[in-house]
Structures are given as structure tokens and as C-alpha cells.
Amino acid sequence: MTVLELLGACHTDAEHFQLHINAFVDDFRAATATARAAMVQDGAARDGTLEGLLAAVVSSLCREAGMPTPAWVGRIHSPVPFFAFPARSFALRLRLMLESPPAFRCRNVFVPENYLSRA
């Protein structure tokens, strides 16, 4: 699955976007270096909440894999604060804002510090 396919799946099935992201993370980590580069080569063309989240995910995965981050990742962010998990209380929102990894926080996306950890 490429990032563009992932973005389409997340928009089509917005209620379950996290399942699609989890599958992408697993596929990326299991892929060869060549396949990883192809998976993330093309991405979002405009800003949006899910677009910002996916840019942060790709940035983090590329760093983890020791590979260059595609240029599109640096141009994409969420135009409004986006909490990937329902954060209704002020305390939880503040916690997510403080513990979000830099790749997410700089794109106005807020997640737990272990967001990309998979069991």
C-alpha cells in the first residue's frame, strides 16, 4: 500500500482510519528498502488533518528506517489541531500536546508518545 492509497482508504473509511494506518506501519516495517521508498514516494498534495497525520507517520517511519524523507512530507500539516485519539478533556489534550513526538507536533497533530508502537 502506498501513502496515496492509504490516504484514500482513510478518507473513504474515516471512522476506522487508525486500522488503515496500523496496517501501513506494519507493511512498511516488513518491506525491503526499495519497497519502503516506493510506498512513501508520493503523498498528499494539500494540507488536511489526515494528511498532516500521514506526513508525520511517514516522517517518523523514514527516520526509524534511516532513509531520506520525501519532499512532500515537509510541506504538509494539519491546518487545525488534530488529536488522533478522542481527547475530550483538557488534561488529556494537554498531555498529548506535551508528549507528541516532534514529527507530529510540528504538523499540529497530537498523539501519544508511543503512537507507532505495535505489539
N, C-alpha and C. Protein backbone atom coordinates (compact mmCIF):
# COMPACT_ATOMS: atom_id res chain seq x y z
N MET A 1 0.85 -1.19 0.00
CA MET A 1 0.00 0.00 0.00
C MET A 1 0.88 1.24 0.00
N THR A 2 0.60 2.17 -0.87
CA THR A 2 1.33 3.43 -0.91
C THR A 2 0.65 4.45 0.00
N VAL A 3 1.32 5.56 0.24
CA VAL A 3 0.72 6.62 1.06
C VAL A 3 -0.54 7.15 0.40
N LEU A 4 -0.53 7.30 -0.92
CA LEU A 4 -1.74 7.79 -1.60
C LEU A 4 -2.90 6.81 -1.46
N GLU A 5 -2.61 5.52 -1.53
CA GLU A 5 -3.66 4.52 -1.30
C GLU A 5 -4.14 4.57 0.15
N LEU A 6 -3.22 4.75 1.07
CA LEU A 6 -3.56 4.87 2.48
C LEU A 6 -4.44 6.09 2.71
N LEU A 7 -4.09 7.20 2.12
CA LEU A 7 -4.88 8.41 2.27
C LEU A 7 -6.30 8.20 1.75
N GLY A 8 -6.41 7.55 0.60
CA GLY A 8 -7.73 7.25 0.05
C GLY A 8 -8.53 6.36 0.98
N ALA A 9 -7.90 5.33 1.53
CA ALA A 9 -8.58 4.42 2.45
C ALA A 9 -9.03 5.15 3.71
N CYS A 10 -8.18 6.03 4.22
CA CYS A 10 -8.52 6.79 5.43
C CYS A 10 -9.70 7.73 5.20
N HIS A 11 -9.75 8.35 4.04
CA HIS A 11 -10.86 9.25 3.73
C HIS A 11 -12.15 8.47 3.46
N THR A 12 -12.02 7.33 2.80
CA THR A 12 -13.20 6.51 2.49
C THR A 12 -13.80 5.90 3.74
N ASP A 13 -12.94 5.49 4.66
CA ASP A 13 -13.36 4.82 5.89
C ASP A 13 -12.84 5.62 7.08
N ALA A 14 -13.27 6.87 7.16
CA ALA A 14 -12.74 7.79 8.17
C ALA A 14 -12.94 7.30 9.60
N GLU A 15 -14.00 6.58 9.84
CA GLU A 15 -14.28 6.09 11.19
C GLU A 15 -13.21 5.09 11.66
N HIS A 16 -12.59 4.40 10.71
CA HIS A 16 -11.60 3.38 11.05
C HIS A 16 -10.22 3.72 10.50
N PHE A 17 -9.90 5.00 10.37
CA PHE A 17 -8.63 5.40 9.77
C PHE A 17 -7.44 4.77 10.49
N GLN A 18 -7.55 4.57 11.80
CA GLN A 18 -6.42 4.05 12.56
C GLN A 18 -6.07 2.62 12.14
N LEU A 19 -7.05 1.83 11.78
CA LEU A 19 -6.78 0.47 11.32
C LEU A 19 -5.94 0.48 10.04
N HIS A 20 -6.25 1.41 9.15
CA HIS A 20 -5.50 1.52 7.90
C HIS A 20 -4.06 1.98 8.16
N ILE A 21 -3.91 2.92 9.09
CA ILE A 21 -2.56 3.40 9.43
C ILE A 21 -1.75 2.27 10.06
N ASN A 22 -2.37 1.52 10.96
CA ASN A 22 -1.66 0.40 11.60
C ASN A 22 -1.18 -0.61 10.57
N ALA A 23 -2.03 -0.93 9.59
CA ALA A 23 -1.65 -1.88 8.54
C ALA A 23 -0.49 -1.33 7.72
N PHE A 24 -0.52 -0.04 7.43
CA PHE A 24 0.56 0.59 6.67
C PHE A 24 1.87 0.52 7.44
N VAL A 25 1.82 0.84 8.72
CA VAL A 25 3.03 0.81 9.56
C VAL A 25 3.61 -0.61 9.56
N ASP A 26 2.77 -1.60 9.73
CA ASP A 26 3.25 -2.99 9.72
C ASP A 26 3.86 -3.36 8.38
N ASP A 27 3.18 -2.98 7.29
CA ASP A 27 3.69 -3.28 5.94
C ASP A 27 5.02 -2.57 5.68
N PHE A 28 5.12 -1.32 6.10
CA PHE A 28 6.35 -0.56 5.90
C PHE A 28 7.51 -1.22 6.63
N ARG A 29 7.31 -1.58 7.86
CA ARG A 29 8.38 -2.18 8.66
C ARG A 29 8.80 -3.55 8.12
N ALA A 30 7.90 -4.26 7.46
CA ALA A 30 8.23 -5.58 6.92
C ALA A 30 8.81 -5.50 5.51
N ALA A 31 8.75 -4.35 4.87
CA ALA A 31 9.16 -4.21 3.47
C ALA A 31 10.67 -4.07 3.32
N THR A 32 11.14 -4.32 2.12
CA THR A 32 12.54 -4.08 1.78
C THR A 32 12.77 -2.58 1.65
N ALA A 33 14.00 -2.15 1.63
CA ALA A 33 14.32 -0.73 1.49
C ALA A 33 13.75 -0.14 0.20
N THR A 34 13.83 -0.91 -0.88
CA THR A 34 13.30 -0.44 -2.16
C THR A 34 11.78 -0.29 -2.09
N ALA A 35 11.13 -1.26 -1.51
CA ALA A 35 9.66 -1.20 -1.38
C ALA A 35 9.24 -0.06 -0.46
N ARG A 36 9.99 0.18 0.60
CA ARG A 36 9.68 1.29 1.50
C ARG A 36 9.73 2.62 0.76
N ALA A 37 10.77 2.81 -0.01
CA ALA A 37 10.90 4.06 -0.77
C ALA A 37 9.73 4.26 -1.71
N ALA A 38 9.29 3.18 -2.36
CA ALA A 38 8.15 3.28 -3.28
C ALA A 38 6.85 3.57 -2.53
N MET A 39 6.71 3.02 -1.33
CA MET A 39 5.50 3.22 -0.54
C MET A 39 5.28 4.68 -0.17
N VAL A 40 6.36 5.41 0.08
CA VAL A 40 6.24 6.78 0.59
C VAL A 40 6.62 7.85 -0.43
N GLN A 41 6.97 7.45 -1.63
CA GLN A 41 7.45 8.40 -2.63
C GLN A 41 6.46 9.54 -2.89
N ASP A 42 5.23 9.22 -3.14
CA ASP A 42 4.21 10.23 -3.42
C ASP A 42 3.24 10.31 -2.26
N GLY A 43 2.83 11.54 -1.95
CA GLY A 43 1.93 11.72 -0.82
C GLY A 43 0.95 12.83 -1.06
N ALA A 44 0.42 13.32 0.02
CA ALA A 44 -0.62 14.35 -0.04
C ALA A 44 -0.12 15.59 -0.78
N ALA A 45 -1.04 16.19 -1.52
CA ALA A 45 -0.71 17.41 -2.27
C ALA A 45 -1.18 18.66 -1.55
N ARG A 46 -2.04 18.48 -0.55
CA ARG A 46 -2.55 19.65 0.18
C ARG A 46 -2.69 19.31 1.67
N ASP A 47 -2.79 20.35 2.45
CA ASP A 47 -2.92 20.18 3.89
C ASP A 47 -4.30 19.64 4.26
N GLY A 48 -4.35 19.00 5.41
CA GLY A 48 -5.59 18.47 5.96
C GLY A 48 -5.25 17.74 7.24
N THR A 49 -6.25 17.39 8.01
CA THR A 49 -5.97 16.73 9.28
C THR A 49 -5.35 15.34 9.07
N LEU A 50 -5.98 14.53 8.24
CA LEU A 50 -5.41 13.20 7.97
C LEU A 50 -4.12 13.30 7.18
N GLU A 51 -4.03 14.28 6.31
CA GLU A 51 -2.80 14.48 5.54
C GLU A 51 -1.64 14.81 6.48
N GLY A 52 -1.89 15.68 7.46
CA GLY A 52 -0.86 16.01 8.44
C GLY A 52 -0.44 14.81 9.26
N LEU A 53 -1.43 14.00 9.65
CA LEU A 53 -1.13 12.78 10.41
C LEU A 53 -0.26 11.83 9.59
N LEU A 54 -0.62 11.63 8.33
CA LEU A 54 0.16 10.71 7.49
C LEU A 54 1.55 11.25 7.20
N ALA A 55 1.68 12.55 7.03
CA ALA A 55 3.01 13.13 6.84
C ALA A 55 3.88 12.88 8.08
N ALA A 56 3.30 13.02 9.25
CA ALA A 56 4.05 12.76 10.48
C ALA A 56 4.42 11.29 10.61
N VAL A 57 3.50 10.40 10.25
CA VAL A 57 3.78 8.97 10.30
C VAL A 57 4.93 8.63 9.36
N VAL A 58 4.87 9.14 8.14
CA VAL A 58 5.93 8.86 7.16
C VAL A 58 7.26 9.44 7.63
N SER A 59 7.24 10.65 8.16
CA SER A 59 8.47 11.26 8.67
C SER A 59 9.10 10.38 9.76
N SER A 60 8.28 9.91 10.67
CA SER A 60 8.78 9.08 11.77
C SER A 60 9.29 7.73 11.27
N LEU A 61 8.55 7.11 10.36
CA LEU A 61 8.98 5.81 9.83
C LEU A 61 10.27 5.92 9.03
N CYS A 62 10.40 6.99 8.25
CA CYS A 62 11.64 7.17 7.48
C CYS A 62 12.83 7.38 8.41
N ARG A 63 12.63 8.14 9.44
CA ARG A 63 13.71 8.35 10.41
C ARG A 63 14.08 7.03 11.07
N GLU A 64 13.07 6.27 11.47
CA GLU A 64 13.30 4.96 12.09
C GLU A 64 14.08 4.04 11.16
N ALA A 65 13.77 4.08 9.86
CA ALA A 65 14.41 3.20 8.88
C ALA A 65 15.74 3.75 8.38
N GLY A 66 16.09 4.97 8.78
CA GLY A 66 17.35 5.57 8.34
C GLY A 66 17.37 5.92 6.87
N MET A 67 16.22 6.31 6.37
CA MET A 67 16.13 6.67 4.95
C MET A 67 15.66 8.12 4.80
N PRO A 68 15.94 8.74 3.66
CA PRO A 68 15.53 10.13 3.46
C PRO A 68 14.00 10.27 3.47
N THR A 69 13.55 11.38 3.98
CA THR A 69 12.12 11.67 4.00
C THR A 69 11.74 12.33 2.68
N PRO A 70 10.67 11.89 2.04
CA PRO A 70 10.25 12.50 0.77
C PRO A 70 9.94 13.99 0.94
N ALA A 71 10.17 14.76 -0.10
CA ALA A 71 9.99 16.21 -0.04
C ALA A 71 8.56 16.61 0.33
N TRP A 72 7.57 15.87 -0.11
CA TRP A 72 6.18 16.25 0.15
C TRP A 72 5.87 16.31 1.64
N VAL A 73 6.57 15.52 2.44
CA VAL A 73 6.32 15.45 3.88
C VAL A 73 6.56 16.81 4.55
N GLY A 74 7.55 17.54 4.10
CA GLY A 74 7.88 18.83 4.69
C GLY A 74 6.88 19.93 4.40
N ARG A 75 6.02 19.72 3.42
CA ARG A 75 5.04 20.75 3.04
C ARG A 75 3.66 20.54 3.65
N ILE A 76 3.43 19.42 4.28
CA ILE A 76 2.08 19.05 4.71
C ILE A 76 1.94 19.14 6.23
N HIS A 77 0.82 19.72 6.66
CA HIS A 77 0.50 19.78 8.09
C HIS A 77 -1.02 19.84 8.25
N SER A 78 -1.48 19.76 9.47
CA SER A 78 -2.90 19.90 9.76
C SER A 78 -3.19 21.39 9.99
N PRO A 79 -4.16 21.96 9.30
CA PRO A 79 -4.47 23.38 9.48
C PRO A 79 -5.09 23.70 10.84
N VAL A 80 -5.62 22.70 11.50
CA VAL A 80 -6.18 22.87 12.85
C VAL A 80 -5.57 21.80 13.74
N PRO A 81 -5.53 22.04 15.04
CA PRO A 81 -5.01 20.98 15.93
C PRO A 81 -5.81 19.70 15.73
N PHE A 82 -5.09 18.59 15.53
CA PHE A 82 -5.75 17.31 15.29
C PHE A 82 -5.27 16.31 16.33
N PHE A 83 -6.21 15.77 17.08
CA PHE A 83 -5.92 14.75 18.08
C PHE A 83 -6.36 13.41 17.50
N ALA A 84 -5.41 12.54 17.25
CA ALA A 84 -5.69 11.27 16.58
C ALA A 84 -6.57 10.35 17.41
N PHE A 85 -6.60 10.58 18.71
CA PHE A 85 -7.49 9.84 19.60
C PHE A 85 -8.44 10.83 20.23
N PRO A 86 -9.66 10.41 20.51
CA PRO A 86 -10.60 11.34 21.15
C PRO A 86 -10.02 11.89 22.45
N ALA A 87 -9.83 13.17 22.48
CA ALA A 87 -9.26 13.82 23.66
C ALA A 87 -10.23 14.92 24.08
N ARG A 88 -11.22 14.53 24.81
CA ARG A 88 -12.28 15.49 25.18
C ARG A 88 -11.92 16.35 26.38
N SER A 89 -11.11 15.82 27.27
CA SER A 89 -10.77 16.59 28.46
C SER A 89 -9.54 17.46 28.21
N PHE A 90 -9.51 18.57 28.89
CA PHE A 90 -8.36 19.48 28.79
C PHE A 90 -7.08 18.77 29.21
N ALA A 91 -7.16 17.98 30.27
CA ALA A 91 -5.97 17.29 30.78
C ALA A 91 -5.39 16.33 29.73
N LEU A 92 -6.24 15.59 29.05
CA LEU A 92 -5.74 14.67 28.04
C LEU A 92 -5.19 15.41 26.84
N ARG A 93 -5.85 16.47 26.44
CA ARG A 93 -5.34 17.27 25.32
C ARG A 93 -3.96 17.85 25.66
N LEU A 94 -3.82 18.36 26.86
CA LEU A 94 -2.54 18.92 27.28
C LEU A 94 -1.48 17.83 27.30
N ARG A 95 -1.82 16.67 27.82
CA ARG A 95 -0.85 15.56 27.86
C ARG A 95 -0.39 15.19 26.45
N LEU A 96 -1.33 15.06 25.52
CA LEU A 96 -0.97 14.71 24.15
C LEU A 96 -0.13 15.81 23.50
N MET A 97 -0.44 17.06 23.80
CA MET A 97 0.33 18.17 23.24
C MET A 97 1.78 18.14 23.74
N LEU A 98 1.96 17.73 24.98
CA LEU A 98 3.29 17.70 25.56
C LEU A 98 4.10 16.47 25.14
N GLU A 99 3.44 15.32 25.00
CA GLU A 99 4.20 14.10 24.73
C GLU A 99 4.27 13.70 23.26
N SER A 100 3.56 14.39 22.40
CA SER A 100 3.62 14.06 20.98
C SER A 100 5.05 14.16 20.46
N PRO A 101 5.50 13.18 19.70
CA PRO A 101 6.84 13.26 19.10
C PRO A 101 6.94 14.49 18.18
N PRO A 102 8.13 15.03 18.03
CA PRO A 102 8.32 16.25 17.23
C PRO A 102 7.75 16.17 15.81
N ALA A 103 7.86 15.03 15.15
CA ALA A 103 7.35 14.91 13.78
C ALA A 103 5.84 15.14 13.72
N PHE A 104 5.15 14.88 14.80
CA PHE A 104 3.71 15.08 14.86
C PHE A 104 3.39 16.50 15.32
N ARG A 105 4.03 16.90 16.40
CA ARG A 105 3.75 18.20 17.00
C ARG A 105 3.98 19.34 16.01
N CYS A 106 5.05 19.27 15.22
CA CYS A 106 5.35 20.35 14.27
C CYS A 106 4.33 20.42 13.14
N ARG A 107 3.53 19.38 12.99
CA ARG A 107 2.48 19.37 11.95
C ARG A 107 1.10 19.60 12.55
N ASN A 108 1.05 20.01 13.82
CA ASN A 108 -0.20 20.33 14.50
C ASN A 108 -1.05 19.07 14.72
N VAL A 109 -0.37 17.94 14.91
CA VAL A 109 -1.01 16.65 15.14
C VAL A 109 -0.54 16.14 16.49
N PHE A 110 -1.47 15.64 17.29
CA PHE A 110 -1.14 15.25 18.65
C PHE A 110 -1.55 13.81 18.92
N VAL A 111 -0.56 13.03 19.34
CA VAL A 111 -0.71 11.59 19.57
C VAL A 111 0.07 11.22 20.82
N PRO A 112 -0.17 10.03 21.37
CA PRO A 112 0.66 9.57 22.49
C PRO A 112 2.09 9.35 22.01
N GLU A 113 3.03 9.41 22.92
CA GLU A 113 4.44 9.26 22.55
C GLU A 113 4.73 7.91 21.93
N ASN A 114 3.93 6.90 22.22
CA ASN A 114 4.16 5.55 21.68
C ASN A 114 3.21 5.25 20.51
N TYR A 115 2.75 6.25 19.81
CA TYR A 115 1.75 6.09 18.75
C TYR A 115 2.11 5.03 17.71
N LEU A 116 3.36 4.95 17.34
CA LEU A 116 3.77 3.99 16.31
C LEU A 116 4.23 2.65 16.86
N SER A 117 4.12 2.47 18.17
CA SER A 117 4.48 1.19 18.77
C SER A 117 3.42 0.17 18.43
N ARG A 118 3.87 -1.00 18.04
CA ARG A 118 2.95 -2.07 17.66
C ARG A 118 3.32 -3.31 18.47
N ALA A 119 2.35 -3.98 18.98
CA ALA A 119 2.59 -5.19 19.78
C ALA A 119 2.93 -6.37 18.91
